[in-house]
Amino acid sequence: MGKLEDTKQALVVFGALAFGWLAIELAFRPLLDKARTAMNKSDPTRDPDDEETAADDK
């Protein structure tokens, strides 16, 4: 009977994680949509690490 209880517990944990993920997705949908849109519009060839800043000139 121990194996059945472990399976039930795993399913409950998995369900709770799935519900939490869904709740976060729904709560932050406008913010996530803006971020995904911005990422899609960004230039994939630009590397921010290659850009020189004013601090690098000192």
Protein backbone atom coordinates (compact mmCIF):
# COMPACT_ATOMS: atom_id res chain seq x y z
CA MET A 1 0.00 0.00 0.00
CA GLY A 2 2.97 2.36 0.42
CA LYS A 3 3.53 2.58 -3.31
CA LEU A 4 -0.07 3.69 -3.92
CA GLU A 5 0.26 6.46 -1.33
CA ASP A 6 3.50 7.65 -2.91
CA THR A 7 1.82 7.78 -6.32
CA LYS A 8 -1.10 9.78 -4.92
CA GLN A 9 1.30 12.19 -3.24
CA ALA A 10 3.27 12.65 -6.46
CA LEU A 11 0.07 13.35 -8.39
CA VAL A 12 -1.04 15.91 -5.81
CA VAL A 13 2.33 17.67 -5.96
CA PHE A 14 2.31 17.64 -9.75
CA GLY A 15 -1.24 19.03 -9.80
CA ALA A 16 -0.31 21.79 -7.35
CA LEU A 17 2.69 22.78 -9.46
CA ALA A 18 0.59 22.82 -12.63
CA PHE A 19 -2.08 24.93 -10.93
CA GLY A 20 0.54 27.37 -9.62
CA TRP A 21 2.11 27.73 -13.07
CA LEU A 22 -1.31 28.37 -14.61
CA ALA A 23 -2.17 30.94 -11.96
CA ILE A 24 1.09 32.82 -12.58
CA GLU A 25 0.56 32.71 -16.35
CA LEU A 26 -2.94 34.14 -15.99
CA ALA A 27 -1.99 36.76 -13.40
CA PHE A 28 0.99 38.10 -15.36
CA ARG A 29 -0.37 37.61 -18.89
CA PRO A 30 -0.18 41.30 -19.93
CA LEU A 31 3.39 41.62 -18.67
CA LEU A 32 4.46 38.32 -20.23
CA ASP A 33 2.86 39.23 -23.56
CA LYS A 34 4.77 42.53 -23.63
CA ALA A 35 8.02 40.77 -22.77
CA ARG A 36 7.51 38.10 -25.42
CA THR A 37 6.66 40.73 -28.03
CA ALA A 38 9.76 42.73 -27.14
CA MET A 39 11.92 39.62 -27.38
CA ASN A 40 10.48 38.80 -30.80
CA LYS A 41 11.22 42.33 -32.05
CA SER A 42 14.77 42.40 -30.70
CA ASP A 43 17.82 42.08 -32.91
CA PRO A 44 19.31 38.60 -32.36
CA THR A 45 22.65 39.64 -33.83
CA ARG A 46 23.25 42.37 -31.22
CA ASP A 47 25.32 41.29 -28.22
CA PRO A 48 25.13 43.72 -25.26
CA ASP A 49 28.45 42.36 -23.97
CA ASP A 50 30.23 43.66 -27.07
CA GLU A 51 29.06 47.25 -26.62
CA GLU A 52 31.46 49.69 -24.99
CA THR A 53 30.13 51.91 -22.23
CA ALA A 54 31.37 55.15 -20.68
CA ALA A 55 32.71 53.16 -17.71
CA ASP A 56 34.91 51.12 -20.08
CA ASP A 57 36.58 54.29 -21.39
CA LYS A 58 37.96 55.34 -17.99
